[in-house]
C-alpha atoms as a PDB file:
ATOM      1  CA  MET A   1      97.331 -43.525 -36.739  1.00  0.00           C
ATOM      2  CA  LYS A   2      97.285 -40.045 -35.293  1.00  0.00           C
ATOM      3  CA  LEU A   3      94.540 -39.257 -32.798  1.00  0.00           C
ATOM      4  CA  SER A   4      92.870 -35.896 -32.721  1.00  0.00           C
ATOM      5  CA  PRO A   5      92.382 -34.035 -29.427  1.00  0.00           C
ATOM      6  CA  GLN A   6      88.666 -34.853 -29.636  1.00  0.00           C
ATOM      7  CA  ALA A   7      89.269 -38.620 -29.835  1.00  0.00           C
ATOM      8  CA  PRO A   8      88.422 -39.419 -26.172  1.00  0.00           C
ATOM      9  CA  LEU A   9      85.296 -37.246 -26.205  1.00  0.00           C
ATOM     10  CA  PRO A  10      82.834 -39.954 -27.406  1.00  0.00           C
ATOM     11  CA  ALA A  11      84.156 -42.435 -24.824  1.00  0.00           C
ATOM     12  CA  LEU A  12      83.807 -39.859 -22.046  1.00  0.00           C
ATOM     13  CA  MET A  13      80.275 -39.045 -23.168  1.00  0.00           C
ATOM     14  CA  VAL A  14      79.369 -42.742 -23.017  1.00  0.00           C
ATOM     15  CA  ALA A  15      80.915 -42.993 -19.529  1.00  0.00           C
ATOM     16  CA  LEU A  16      78.912 -40.002 -18.317  1.00  0.00           C
ATOM     17  CA  ALA A  17      75.687 -41.355 -19.845  1.00  0.00           C
ATOM     18  CA  TYR A  18      76.342 -44.759 -18.228  1.00  0.00           C
ATOM     19  CA  VAL A  19      76.782 -43.268 -14.756  1.00  0.00           C
ATOM     20  CA  LEU A  20      73.797 -40.919 -15.005  1.00  0.00           C
ATOM     21  CA  LEU A  21      71.464 -43.569 -16.385  1.00  0.00           C
ATOM     22  CA  GLY A  22      72.701 -45.996 -13.734  1.00  0.00           C
ATOM     23  CA  TYR A  23      71.662 -43.593 -11.002  1.00  0.00           C
ATOM     24  CA  ALA A  24      68.324 -42.988 -12.720  1.00  0.00           C
ATOM     25  CA  SER A  25      67.686 -46.733 -13.016  1.00  0.00           C
ATOM     26  CA  PHE A  26      68.490 -47.323  -9.357  1.00  0.00           C
ATOM     27  CA  LEU A  27      66.373 -44.387  -8.213  1.00  0.00           C
ATOM     28  CA  THR A  28      63.329 -45.690 -10.049  1.00  0.00           C
ATOM     29  CA  ALA A  29      63.863 -49.317  -8.998  1.00  0.00           C
ATOM     30  CA  SER A  30      64.584 -48.869  -5.273  1.00  0.00           C
ATOM     31  CA  SER A  31      61.941 -49.902  -2.813  1.00  0.00           C
ATOM     32  CA  HIS A  32      62.787 -49.715   0.898  1.00  0.00           C
ATOM     33  CA  GLY A  33      66.496 -50.203   0.260  1.00  0.00           C
ATOM     34  CA  ILE A  34      66.006 -53.254  -1.950  1.00  0.00           C
ATOM     35  CA  VAL A  35      67.130 -52.706  -5.521  1.00  0.00           C
ATOM     36  CA  THR A  36      65.151 -54.665  -8.078  1.00  0.00           C
ATOM     37  CA  PRO A  37      66.012 -53.195 -11.472  1.00  0.00           C
ATOM     38  CA  VAL A  38      63.748 -54.561 -14.169  1.00  0.00           C
ATOM     39  CA  VAL A  39      65.364 -52.504 -16.908  1.00  0.00           C
ATOM     40  CA  PHE A  40      68.948 -51.318 -16.525  1.00  0.00           C
ATOM     41  CA  LEU A  41      69.245 -48.500 -19.073  1.00  0.00           C
ATOM     42  CA  PRO A  42      73.058 -48.174 -19.050  1.00  0.00           C
ATOM     43  CA  GLU A  43      73.441 -51.642 -20.528  1.00  0.00           C
ATOM     44  CA  GLY A  44      71.350 -50.621 -23.523  1.00  0.00           C
ATOM     45  CA  VAL A  45      73.451 -47.496 -23.987  1.00  0.00           C
ATOM     46  CA  ALA A  46      76.634 -49.560 -23.708  1.00  0.00           C
ATOM     47  CA  LEU A  47      75.377 -52.035 -26.293  1.00  0.00           C
ATOM     48  CA  ALA A  48      74.312 -49.321 -28.737  1.00  0.00           C
ATOM     49  CA  ALA A  49      77.561 -47.403 -28.273  1.00  0.00           C
ATOM     50  CA  GLY A  50      79.562 -50.580 -28.797  1.00  0.00           C
ATOM     51  CA  ILE A  51      77.731 -51.411 -31.990  1.00  0.00           C
ATOM     52  CA  LEU A  52      77.909 -47.875 -33.385  1.00  0.00           C
ATOM     53  CA  GLY A  53      81.316 -46.809 -32.069  1.00  0.00           C
ATOM     54  CA  GLY A  54      83.239 -50.043 -32.034  1.00  0.00           C
ATOM     55  CA  PRO A  55      86.292 -50.730 -29.875  1.00  0.00           C
ATOM     56  CA  ARG A  56      87.162 -47.064 -29.332  1.00  0.00           C
ATOM     57  CA  ILE A  57      84.039 -46.726 -27.148  1.00  0.00           C
ATOM     58  CA  ALA A  58      84.861 -49.749 -24.973  1.00  0.00           C
ATOM     59  CA  SER A  59      87.019 -47.665 -22.649  1.00  0.00           C
ATOM     60  CA  GLY A  60      84.069 -45.324 -22.017  1.00  0.00           C
ATOM     61  CA  VAL A  61      81.835 -48.238 -21.080  1.00  0.00           C
ATOM     62  CA  PHE A  62      84.520 -49.611 -18.765  1.00  0.00           C
ATOM     63  CA  ILE A  63      85.129 -46.241 -17.084  1.00  0.00           C
ATOM     64  CA  GLY A  64      81.398 -45.611 -16.699  1.00  0.00           C
ATOM     65  CA  GLN A  65      80.790 -49.032 -15.140  1.00  0.00           C
ATOM     66  CA  LEU A  66      83.794 -48.644 -12.846  1.00  0.00           C
ATOM     67  CA  LEU A  67      82.728 -45.190 -11.635  1.00  0.00           C
ATOM     68  CA  PHE A  68      79.141 -46.323 -11.129  1.00  0.00           C
ATOM     69  CA  ALA A  69      80.138 -49.465  -9.222  1.00  0.00           C
ATOM     70  CA  LEU A  70      82.605 -47.603  -7.005  1.00  0.00           C
ATOM     71  CA  SER A  71      80.095 -44.856  -6.224  1.00  0.00           C
ATOM     72  CA  ARG A  72      77.363 -47.342  -5.259  1.00  0.00           C
ATOM     73  CA  GLY A  73      79.623 -49.308  -2.926  1.00  0.00           C
END
């Protein structure tokens, strides 16, 4: 199976959406340094991308979660 040059683009878009929505979720859920997220939007995006894109999107979810976790400490 030959991959086109645009093959990693959907996974990278999912990774970027995961990181950005993670920051947005934490910004709206922070109260005096205590994070209490009621709704974590990146998980919904990861689920939808996994259902629609299948295994080729899994690397984007992994990279997005890794970047978000490393940036939050």
